[in-house]
Structures are given as structure tokens and as C-alpha cells.
Amino acid sequence: MAAPSLGRSATDLVVHSWSGGELPPRQEGNLVAAVKAGTGFAGWRGGVIGTNVRSAEYLRMVGSRSLWRGDGLQEFTVRIVAMPDRDGVITKGIEDYGVVTEHYWVLTGAHNSALAASVLVPETADAWDVPVEFPVVWTRRWGVGRVFVCTLGHRVADLEVPQTATMVGRVLTWAART
């Protein structure tokens, strides 16, 4: 079955959460073209950065790829980036907070605007010996579309943490075509 075209009047926001899959080239092309034309794109964790990993165009659009996630749930701090987000509304009034969820090691794009970050601290058996900071929440523009990615969200409870829920709610509105 052919993928529908996500034209200007058809879709304001695509919320993507499909881990491990690969879109057929035509569907991927339609999705990326729709975002370039102004459709918003949002999602969390492996449903965005762990899918379509063979697609350079998709990966450039989302601005990241998951390389590794910690074994099981880990406790860490989500640090709100000091510089306000480019639109000034997503992180307003939110302070650093603790979570217990999967912790992702991500490759990240230079065009991302990090809204929150975390530090992955090496364990005794790890190959690296210094803490590494990674973005946890970011936005970016792709064409005239707005893209949002959040690495939190392994469990529904992760998205119910008040600070995460506030950011996700605000950013879904931000990302949707206005």
C-alpha cells in the first residue's frame, strides 16, 4: 500500500514512536518532505533515534542516532541547559530534576538546540574513564518544519514526571504547524 502524502493541509504534527523499524524509501521521502514543508515532527527515545538507522536523510532530519543505552534503568539528573531555548517557551520555569530510566549515548547534530542534557558516568567495566555529557531533549528546524526529540520515555511513568510532561506538552504545541 502506498504511503499517503503528508501535504501542507493534511498534517500539522507527526508523533513518531516506532523502535527498530525501517521505513520504505517512498514513505521516508514523504515524511522528510512533509517536515521540510512545515509538518512538525516529535517523538521520544528509540522510537525516533533507534529507527530508520540506515537512512541518512531521516537521521539528518532528527539530528541524532542512538549508539548505546545503559543496561536497565539508571538514576541520573536531567540538567536544563542554561541558555533558553530558541523560542523561549519550552523550558521556562523548569529546573534540573532526577529520573530513573534508560540512559542513552547518542550521536548528535550540530543544528540541534539542546534543551536538557545528562551526564553518563563511567562504571568500573566501561571503556571510557571520564563522564560524558549528552543531550536528553532537543529541538531543531528542518526546512520550515520543527523537530523535537526526547530520549526519556522508556516507560509511561517517565513521561509522567512533571518536568518531562511539561516539556513534552509545550514542545508538541511548539512543533505543530502554526
N, C-alpha and C. Protein backbone atom coordinates (compact mmCIF):
# COMPACT_ATOMS: atom_id res chain seq x y z
N MET A 1 0.84 -1.17 0.00
CA MET A 1 0.00 0.00 0.00
C MET A 1 0.89 1.24 0.00
N ALA A 2 0.58 2.18 -0.82
CA ALA A 2 1.38 3.40 -0.92
C ALA A 2 1.13 4.29 0.29
N ALA A 3 2.19 4.95 0.72
CA ALA A 3 2.08 5.88 1.84
C ALA A 3 1.37 7.14 1.39
N PRO A 4 0.48 7.68 2.23
CA PRO A 4 -0.16 8.93 1.85
C PRO A 4 0.85 10.07 1.88
N SER A 5 0.64 11.02 1.03
CA SER A 5 1.48 12.21 1.05
C SER A 5 1.08 13.06 2.24
N LEU A 6 2.07 13.55 2.98
CA LEU A 6 1.79 14.39 4.14
C LEU A 6 1.88 15.85 3.70
N GLY A 7 0.96 16.26 2.90
CA GLY A 7 0.97 17.61 2.34
C GLY A 7 0.63 18.67 3.37
N ARG A 8 0.74 19.93 2.97
CA ARG A 8 0.56 21.05 3.88
C ARG A 8 -0.75 21.00 4.62
N SER A 9 -1.85 20.72 3.96
CA SER A 9 -3.13 20.77 4.62
C SER A 9 -3.46 19.47 5.37
N ALA A 10 -2.68 18.41 5.13
CA ALA A 10 -3.02 17.11 5.69
C ALA A 10 -2.57 16.92 7.14
N THR A 11 -1.40 17.38 7.51
CA THR A 11 -0.84 17.02 8.80
C THR A 11 -0.09 18.19 9.42
N ASP A 12 -0.43 18.48 10.67
CA ASP A 12 0.28 19.53 11.41
C ASP A 12 1.45 18.98 12.21
N LEU A 13 1.30 17.72 12.70
CA LEU A 13 2.31 17.15 13.57
C LEU A 13 2.32 15.63 13.43
N VAL A 14 3.50 15.07 13.25
CA VAL A 14 3.69 13.62 13.29
C VAL A 14 4.36 13.30 14.61
N VAL A 15 3.72 12.46 15.43
CA VAL A 15 4.32 11.98 16.67
C VAL A 15 4.80 10.56 16.37
N HIS A 16 6.09 10.40 16.36
CA HIS A 16 6.73 9.17 15.88
C HIS A 16 7.26 8.38 17.07
N SER A 17 6.90 7.13 17.18
CA SER A 17 7.45 6.27 18.24
C SER A 17 7.38 4.83 17.75
N TRP A 18 8.35 4.45 16.97
CA TRP A 18 8.38 3.14 16.35
C TRP A 18 9.82 2.64 16.40
N SER A 19 10.15 1.85 17.39
CA SER A 19 11.52 1.42 17.61
C SER A 19 11.96 0.31 16.66
N GLY A 20 13.14 0.48 16.13
CA GLY A 20 13.81 -0.57 15.39
C GLY A 20 13.37 -0.80 13.97
N GLY A 21 12.42 -0.06 13.47
CA GLY A 21 11.92 -0.29 12.12
C GLY A 21 12.66 0.52 11.08
N GLU A 22 12.36 0.21 9.84
CA GLU A 22 12.91 0.95 8.70
C GLU A 22 11.75 1.31 7.78
N LEU A 23 11.61 2.58 7.47
CA LEU A 23 10.59 3.00 6.52
C LEU A 23 11.03 2.65 5.10
N PRO A 24 10.11 2.19 4.27
CA PRO A 24 10.45 2.04 2.85
C PRO A 24 10.83 3.41 2.28
N PRO A 25 11.69 3.44 1.28
CA PRO A 25 12.18 4.72 0.74
C PRO A 25 11.08 5.74 0.41
N ARG A 26 9.98 5.29 -0.17
CA ARG A 26 8.92 6.24 -0.54
C ARG A 26 8.28 6.87 0.70
N GLN A 27 8.01 6.07 1.72
CA GLN A 27 7.42 6.60 2.95
C GLN A 27 8.38 7.55 3.65
N GLU A 28 9.65 7.16 3.69
CA GLU A 28 10.65 8.03 4.30
C GLU A 28 10.74 9.35 3.54
N GLY A 29 10.77 9.29 2.23
CA GLY A 29 10.83 10.50 1.41
C GLY A 29 9.63 11.40 1.65
N ASN A 30 8.43 10.80 1.77
CA ASN A 30 7.22 11.59 2.06
C ASN A 30 7.31 12.26 3.42
N LEU A 31 7.80 11.51 4.42
CA LEU A 31 7.91 12.06 5.77
C LEU A 31 8.89 13.23 5.80
N VAL A 32 10.08 13.02 5.28
CA VAL A 32 11.09 14.08 5.30
C VAL A 32 10.63 15.29 4.49
N ALA A 33 9.99 15.07 3.35
CA ALA A 33 9.47 16.18 2.55
C ALA A 33 8.39 16.95 3.30
N ALA A 34 7.52 16.23 4.01
CA ALA A 34 6.46 16.90 4.77
C ALA A 34 7.05 17.78 5.87
N VAL A 35 8.09 17.27 6.56
CA VAL A 35 8.71 18.08 7.61
C VAL A 35 9.41 19.29 7.00
N LYS A 36 10.11 19.10 5.91
CA LYS A 36 10.75 20.24 5.24
C LYS A 36 9.72 21.30 4.85
N ALA A 37 8.51 20.85 4.52
CA ALA A 37 7.45 21.77 4.09
C ALA A 37 6.69 22.39 5.25
N GLY A 38 6.96 21.95 6.49
CA GLY A 38 6.32 22.58 7.64
C GLY A 38 5.58 21.68 8.60
N THR A 39 5.42 20.40 8.29
CA THR A 39 4.80 19.49 9.25
C THR A 39 5.75 19.31 10.43
N GLY A 40 5.24 19.41 11.65
CA GLY A 40 6.06 19.18 12.83
C GLY A 40 6.35 17.70 13.00
N PHE A 41 7.44 17.39 13.69
CA PHE A 41 7.84 16.01 13.94
C PHE A 41 8.33 15.91 15.37
N ALA A 42 7.79 14.97 16.13
CA ALA A 42 8.15 14.85 17.54
C ALA A 42 8.14 13.39 17.95
N GLY A 43 8.95 13.08 18.95
CA GLY A 43 8.94 11.73 19.49
C GLY A 43 9.99 11.56 20.55
N TRP A 44 10.04 10.36 21.11
CA TRP A 44 10.97 10.10 22.19
C TRP A 44 11.65 8.76 22.03
N ARG A 45 12.74 8.68 22.69
CA ARG A 45 13.65 7.54 22.84
C ARG A 45 13.91 6.81 21.55
N GLY A 46 14.04 5.48 21.63
CA GLY A 46 14.37 4.69 20.45
C GLY A 46 13.35 4.78 19.35
N GLY A 47 12.14 5.26 19.68
CA GLY A 47 11.11 5.43 18.67
C GLY A 47 11.45 6.50 17.65
N VAL A 48 12.46 7.30 17.94
CA VAL A 48 12.92 8.32 17.00
C VAL A 48 14.39 8.07 16.63
N ILE A 49 15.24 7.88 17.64
CA ILE A 49 16.67 7.78 17.36
C ILE A 49 17.18 6.35 17.23
N GLY A 50 16.28 5.37 17.34
CA GLY A 50 16.67 3.98 17.16
C GLY A 50 15.94 3.33 16.00
N THR A 51 15.35 4.14 15.15
CA THR A 51 14.61 3.64 14.00
C THR A 51 15.16 4.29 12.74
N ASN A 52 14.91 3.70 11.61
CA ASN A 52 15.39 4.24 10.32
C ASN A 52 16.89 4.54 10.34
N VAL A 53 17.66 3.69 11.03
CA VAL A 53 19.08 3.99 11.24
C VAL A 53 19.93 3.84 9.98
N ARG A 54 19.38 3.29 8.92
CA ARG A 54 20.12 3.20 7.65
C ARG A 54 19.81 4.37 6.73
N SER A 55 18.98 5.26 7.19
CA SER A 55 18.51 6.36 6.36
C SER A 55 19.22 7.67 6.72
N ALA A 56 20.18 8.06 5.91
CA ALA A 56 20.91 9.30 6.18
C ALA A 56 19.99 10.51 6.20
N GLU A 57 19.02 10.55 5.30
CA GLU A 57 18.12 11.71 5.24
C GLU A 57 17.28 11.82 6.50
N TYR A 58 16.72 10.71 6.96
CA TYR A 58 15.94 10.70 8.20
C TYR A 58 16.82 11.09 9.39
N LEU A 59 18.01 10.51 9.49
CA LEU A 59 18.89 10.81 10.62
C LEU A 59 19.32 12.27 10.63
N ARG A 60 19.55 12.87 9.47
CA ARG A 60 19.86 14.31 9.44
C ARG A 60 18.67 15.12 9.91
N MET A 61 17.45 14.67 9.56
CA MET A 61 16.25 15.40 9.97
C MET A 61 16.08 15.37 11.49
N VAL A 62 16.27 14.22 12.13
CA VAL A 62 16.08 14.14 13.58
C VAL A 62 17.30 14.61 14.35
N GLY A 63 18.45 14.63 13.71
CA GLY A 63 19.64 15.21 14.33
C GLY A 63 20.35 14.31 15.31
N SER A 64 20.09 13.01 15.28
CA SER A 64 20.76 12.13 16.22
C SER A 64 20.55 10.68 15.85
N ARG A 65 21.34 9.86 16.50
CA ARG A 65 21.18 8.41 16.43
C ARG A 65 21.66 7.82 17.74
N SER A 66 20.92 6.86 18.23
CA SER A 66 21.32 6.16 19.44
C SER A 66 22.44 5.19 19.13
N LEU A 67 23.53 5.29 19.90
CA LEU A 67 24.63 4.34 19.74
C LEU A 67 24.57 3.24 20.79
N TRP A 68 24.01 3.56 21.94
CA TRP A 68 24.01 2.63 23.05
C TRP A 68 23.07 3.16 24.11
N ARG A 69 22.49 2.25 24.86
CA ARG A 69 21.74 2.67 26.04
C ARG A 69 22.20 1.80 27.19
N GLY A 70 22.17 2.37 28.36
CA GLY A 70 22.62 1.64 29.54
C GLY A 70 21.78 0.39 29.78
N ASP A 71 22.35 -0.53 30.49
CA ASP A 71 21.64 -1.75 30.82
C ASP A 71 20.61 -1.47 31.90
N GLY A 72 19.35 -1.63 31.55
CA GLY A 72 18.29 -1.43 32.52
C GLY A 72 18.07 0.04 32.84
N LEU A 73 17.38 0.27 33.93
CA LEU A 73 17.05 1.63 34.36
C LEU A 73 18.19 2.19 35.19
N GLN A 74 18.49 3.46 34.97
CA GLN A 74 19.55 4.14 35.70
C GLN A 74 19.01 5.43 36.28
N GLU A 75 19.54 5.82 37.41
CA GLU A 75 19.17 7.09 38.02
C GLU A 75 20.17 8.15 37.55
N PHE A 76 19.66 9.27 37.05
CA PHE A 76 20.53 10.36 36.65
C PHE A 76 19.76 11.67 36.69
N THR A 77 20.49 12.76 36.56
CA THR A 77 19.90 14.10 36.60
C THR A 77 19.72 14.63 35.19
N VAL A 78 18.55 15.18 34.93
CA VAL A 78 18.28 15.90 33.70
C VAL A 78 18.59 17.36 34.00
N ARG A 79 19.61 17.88 33.33
CA ARG A 79 20.04 19.26 33.56
C ARG A 79 19.46 20.16 32.47
N ILE A 80 18.68 21.12 32.89
CA ILE A 80 18.13 22.08 31.93
C ILE A 80 19.27 22.98 31.47
N VAL A 81 19.43 23.09 30.17
CA VAL A 81 20.52 23.88 29.61
C VAL A 81 20.29 25.35 29.96
N ALA A 82 21.35 26.01 30.40
CA ALA A 82 21.24 27.38 30.91
C ALA A 82 20.71 28.36 29.86
N MET A 83 21.14 28.18 28.60
CA MET A 83 20.68 29.08 27.55
C MET A 83 19.21 28.77 27.24
N PRO A 84 18.35 29.75 27.25
CA PRO A 84 16.94 29.47 26.96
C PRO A 84 16.77 28.92 25.55
N ASP A 85 15.76 28.06 25.39
CA ASP A 85 15.51 27.51 24.06
C ASP A 85 15.21 28.64 23.09
N ARG A 86 15.42 28.36 21.83
CA ARG A 86 15.36 29.42 20.82
C ARG A 86 14.00 30.09 20.74
N ASP A 87 12.95 29.43 21.19
CA ASP A 87 11.64 30.05 21.17
C ASP A 87 11.19 30.50 22.56
N GLY A 88 12.00 30.22 23.59
CA GLY A 88 11.79 30.77 24.91
C GLY A 88 10.62 30.25 25.71
N VAL A 89 9.96 29.18 25.28
CA VAL A 89 8.76 28.75 26.00
C VAL A 89 8.83 27.32 26.52
N ILE A 90 9.67 26.50 26.00
CA ILE A 90 9.63 25.07 26.30
C ILE A 90 10.16 24.76 27.69
N THR A 91 11.26 25.38 28.10
CA THR A 91 11.87 25.06 29.39
C THR A 91 11.61 26.11 30.47
N LYS A 92 10.85 27.12 30.16
CA LYS A 92 10.61 28.21 31.10
C LYS A 92 10.08 27.67 32.44
N GLY A 93 10.78 28.04 33.52
CA GLY A 93 10.36 27.66 34.86
C GLY A 93 10.70 26.24 35.28
N ILE A 94 11.35 25.47 34.43
CA ILE A 94 11.72 24.10 34.76
C ILE A 94 13.16 24.08 35.26
N GLU A 95 13.38 23.42 36.38
CA GLU A 95 14.72 23.29 36.95
C GLU A 95 15.21 21.86 36.78
N ASP A 96 16.50 21.65 37.02
CA ASP A 96 17.08 20.31 36.93
C ASP A 96 16.26 19.35 37.78
N TYR A 97 16.21 18.07 37.36
CA TYR A 97 15.43 17.09 38.09
C TYR A 97 15.99 15.69 37.88
N GLY A 98 15.67 14.80 38.79
CA GLY A 98 16.15 13.43 38.72
C GLY A 98 15.15 12.52 38.03
N VAL A 99 15.67 11.50 37.34
CA VAL A 99 14.86 10.49 36.69
C VAL A 99 15.48 9.12 36.92
N VAL A 100 14.68 8.10 36.73
CA VAL A 100 15.15 6.72 36.71
C VAL A 100 14.59 6.12 35.43
N THR A 101 15.45 5.95 34.44
CA THR A 101 15.03 5.45 33.13
C THR A 101 16.26 4.95 32.38
N GLU A 102 16.08 4.57 31.13
CA GLU A 102 17.23 4.21 30.30
C GLU A 102 18.07 5.46 30.02
N HIS A 103 19.36 5.28 29.94
CA HIS A 103 20.27 6.39 29.68
C HIS A 103 20.92 6.15 28.32
N TYR A 104 20.74 7.06 27.39
CA TYR A 104 21.22 6.90 26.02
C TYR A 104 22.55 7.59 25.77
N TRP A 105 23.38 6.93 25.00
CA TRP A 105 24.60 7.51 24.43
C TRP A 105 24.22 7.84 22.99
N VAL A 106 24.24 9.10 22.62
CA VAL A 106 23.76 9.50 21.30
C VAL A 106 24.82 10.26 20.51
N LEU A 107 24.80 10.07 19.21
CA LEU A 107 25.49 10.98 18.30
C LEU A 107 24.52 12.13 18.09
N THR A 108 25.01 13.33 18.08
CA THR A 108 24.10 14.46 17.99
C THR A 108 24.55 15.43 16.91
N GLY A 109 23.57 16.11 16.32
CA GLY A 109 23.84 17.02 15.22
C GLY A 109 24.15 18.44 15.68
N ALA A 110 24.94 19.13 14.89
CA ALA A 110 25.35 20.50 15.21
C ALA A 110 24.19 21.49 15.14
N HIS A 111 23.12 21.15 14.44
CA HIS A 111 21.99 22.07 14.33
C HIS A 111 20.96 21.89 15.44
N ASN A 112 21.21 20.95 16.35
CA ASN A 112 20.28 20.75 17.46
C ASN A 112 20.40 21.88 18.47
N SER A 113 19.29 22.26 19.04
CA SER A 113 19.27 23.19 20.17
C SER A 113 18.93 22.36 21.40
N ALA A 114 19.97 22.01 22.17
CA ALA A 114 19.76 21.19 23.36
C ALA A 114 18.98 21.98 24.40
N LEU A 115 17.91 21.38 24.92
CA LEU A 115 17.12 22.00 25.98
C LEU A 115 17.45 21.38 27.33
N ALA A 116 17.88 20.12 27.32
CA ALA A 116 18.25 19.43 28.54
C ALA A 116 19.34 18.42 28.21
N ALA A 117 20.19 18.14 29.19
CA ALA A 117 21.31 17.23 29.00
C ALA A 117 21.45 16.34 30.22
N SER A 118 22.28 15.31 30.08
CA SER A 118 22.60 14.43 31.21
C SER A 118 24.05 14.02 31.09
N VAL A 119 24.58 13.54 32.18
CA VAL A 119 25.96 13.08 32.21
C VAL A 119 25.96 11.58 32.44
N LEU A 120 26.63 10.87 31.56
CA LEU A 120 26.80 9.43 31.70
C LEU A 120 28.13 9.21 32.40
N VAL A 121 28.06 8.67 33.60
CA VAL A 121 29.24 8.45 34.42
C VAL A 121 29.75 7.04 34.17
N PRO A 122 31.05 6.88 33.90
CA PRO A 122 31.56 5.54 33.62
C PRO A 122 31.52 4.64 34.86
N GLU A 123 31.23 3.38 34.60
CA GLU A 123 31.29 2.36 35.65
C GLU A 123 32.65 1.68 35.54
N THR A 124 32.98 0.87 36.49
CA THR A 124 34.29 0.21 36.53
C THR A 124 34.62 -0.54 35.24
N ALA A 125 33.65 -1.23 34.66
CA ALA A 125 33.90 -2.05 33.47
C ALA A 125 33.82 -1.28 32.15
N ASP A 126 33.49 0.00 32.20
CA ASP A 126 33.33 0.77 30.97
C ASP A 126 34.67 1.12 30.34
N ALA A 127 34.67 1.26 29.02
CA ALA A 127 35.90 1.52 28.27
C ALA A 127 36.34 2.98 28.35
N TRP A 128 35.45 3.87 28.74
CA TRP A 128 35.84 5.28 28.86
C TRP A 128 36.02 5.59 30.34
N ASP A 129 36.82 6.62 30.64
CA ASP A 129 37.16 6.86 32.03
C ASP A 129 36.75 8.23 32.56
N VAL A 130 36.06 9.00 31.75
CA VAL A 130 35.60 10.31 32.22
C VAL A 130 34.10 10.45 31.91
N PRO A 131 33.37 11.19 32.72
CA PRO A 131 31.95 11.41 32.43
C PRO A 131 31.75 12.08 31.07
N VAL A 132 30.65 11.73 30.40
CA VAL A 132 30.34 12.27 29.09
C VAL A 132 28.94 12.88 29.13
N GLU A 133 28.81 14.12 28.63
CA GLU A 133 27.51 14.78 28.61
C GLU A 133 26.84 14.57 27.26
N PHE A 134 25.53 14.27 27.31
CA PHE A 134 24.73 14.08 26.10
C PHE A 134 23.44 14.88 26.21
N PRO A 135 22.92 15.33 25.08
CA PRO A 135 21.60 15.96 25.13
C PRO A 135 20.54 14.91 25.45
N VAL A 136 19.52 15.32 26.16
CA VAL A 136 18.39 14.45 26.50
C VAL A 136 17.14 14.94 25.77
N VAL A 137 17.02 16.25 25.61
CA VAL A 137 15.89 16.87 24.93
C VAL A 137 16.44 17.94 24.00
N TRP A 138 15.98 17.92 22.74
CA TRP A 138 16.43 18.97 21.81
C TRP A 138 15.36 19.26 20.78
N THR A 139 15.52 20.43 20.18
CA THR A 139 14.70 20.83 19.04
C THR A 139 15.64 21.18 17.90
N ARG A 140 15.07 21.25 16.74
CA ARG A 140 15.81 21.69 15.56
C ARG A 140 14.81 22.07 14.49
N ARG A 141 15.26 22.80 13.52
CA ARG A 141 14.44 23.13 12.36
C ARG A 141 14.92 22.28 11.20
N TRP A 142 13.99 21.80 10.41
CA TRP A 142 14.35 21.06 9.20
C TRP A 142 13.49 21.63 8.09
N GLY A 143 14.11 22.38 7.20
CA GLY A 143 13.32 23.16 6.26
C GLY A 143 12.53 24.16 7.09
N VAL A 144 11.21 24.21 6.87
CA VAL A 144 10.38 25.08 7.71
C VAL A 144 9.67 24.28 8.79
N GLY A 145 9.96 22.98 8.89
CA GLY A 145 9.38 22.14 9.92
C GLY A 145 10.16 22.23 11.22
N ARG A 146 9.47 21.94 12.30
CA ARG A 146 10.08 21.93 13.63
C ARG A 146 10.15 20.49 14.12
N VAL A 147 11.32 20.13 14.64
CA VAL A 147 11.57 18.76 15.08
C VAL A 147 11.89 18.78 16.57
N PHE A 148 11.32 17.82 17.29
CA PHE A 148 11.56 17.65 18.73
C PHE A 148 11.92 16.20 19.01
N VAL A 149 12.97 16.01 19.81
CA VAL A 149 13.36 14.67 20.23
C VAL A 149 13.65 14.69 21.72
N CYS A 150 13.19 13.64 22.40
CA CYS A 150 13.41 13.46 23.84
C CYS A 150 13.85 12.01 24.04
N THR A 151 14.99 11.78 24.69
CA THR A 151 15.45 10.41 24.90
C THR A 151 14.79 9.76 26.11
N LEU A 152 14.03 10.53 26.88
CA LEU A 152 13.28 9.96 28.00
C LEU A 152 12.00 9.33 27.47
N GLY A 153 11.48 8.34 28.17
CA GLY A 153 10.19 7.79 27.77
C GLY A 153 10.18 6.29 27.60
N HIS A 154 11.08 5.58 28.26
CA HIS A 154 11.09 4.11 28.18
C HIS A 154 9.79 3.53 28.73
N ARG A 155 9.31 4.15 29.79
CA ARG A 155 8.05 3.72 30.40
C ARG A 155 7.10 4.91 30.40
N VAL A 156 5.82 4.64 30.46
CA VAL A 156 4.83 5.73 30.54
C VAL A 156 5.15 6.61 31.75
N ALA A 157 5.57 5.99 32.85
CA ALA A 157 5.90 6.75 34.07
C ALA A 157 6.97 7.81 33.81
N ASP A 158 7.89 7.55 32.87
CA ASP A 158 8.93 8.53 32.54
C ASP A 158 8.33 9.81 31.98
N LEU A 159 7.27 9.66 31.21
CA LEU A 159 6.62 10.83 30.60
C LEU A 159 5.65 11.51 31.57
N GLU A 160 5.38 10.86 32.71
CA GLU A 160 4.50 11.45 33.72
C GLU A 160 5.26 12.27 34.75
N VAL A 161 6.60 12.22 34.74
CA VAL A 161 7.39 13.07 35.63
C VAL A 161 7.00 14.51 35.29
N PRO A 162 6.60 15.31 36.28
CA PRO A 162 6.04 16.64 35.96
C PRO A 162 6.89 17.49 35.03
N GLN A 163 8.20 17.52 35.23
CA GLN A 163 9.06 18.36 34.39
C GLN A 163 9.09 17.83 32.95
N THR A 164 9.18 16.51 32.79
CA THR A 164 9.18 15.92 31.45
C THR A 164 7.83 16.16 30.79
N ALA A 165 6.74 15.93 31.53
CA ALA A 165 5.39 16.12 30.98
C ALA A 165 5.19 17.57 30.53
N THR A 166 5.71 18.51 31.31
CA THR A 166 5.58 19.92 30.95
C THR A 166 6.33 20.21 29.65
N MET A 167 7.59 19.74 29.58
CA MET A 167 8.37 19.99 28.35
C MET A 167 7.70 19.34 27.14
N VAL A 168 7.28 18.08 27.28
CA VAL A 168 6.67 17.38 26.15
C VAL A 168 5.39 18.09 25.72
N GLY A 169 4.56 18.48 26.66
CA GLY A 169 3.33 19.19 26.31
C GLY A 169 3.61 20.49 25.57
N ARG A 170 4.56 21.25 26.07
CA ARG A 170 4.90 22.52 25.42
C ARG A 170 5.51 22.31 24.05
N VAL A 171 6.36 21.31 23.94
CA VAL A 171 7.07 21.13 22.68
C VAL A 171 6.17 20.54 21.60
N LEU A 172 5.16 19.76 21.97
CA LEU A 172 4.23 19.26 20.95
C LEU A 172 3.48 20.44 20.33
N THR A 173 3.11 21.39 21.17
CA THR A 173 2.46 22.61 20.65
C THR A 173 3.44 23.41 19.80
N TRP A 174 4.69 23.54 20.27
CA TRP A 174 5.71 24.28 19.52
C TRP A 174 5.96 23.64 18.16
N ALA A 175 6.06 22.30 18.13
CA ALA A 175 6.42 21.62 16.89
C ALA A 175 5.31 21.62 15.86
N ALA A 176 4.06 21.63 16.30
CA ALA A 176 2.93 21.57 15.37
C ALA A 176 2.92 22.81 14.48
N ARG A 177 2.54 22.61 13.24
CA ARG A 177 2.45 23.72 12.31
C ARG A 177 1.51 24.77 12.88
N THR A 178 1.93 26.01 12.85
CA THR A 178 1.07 27.08 13.38
C THR A 178 0.58 27.95 12.25
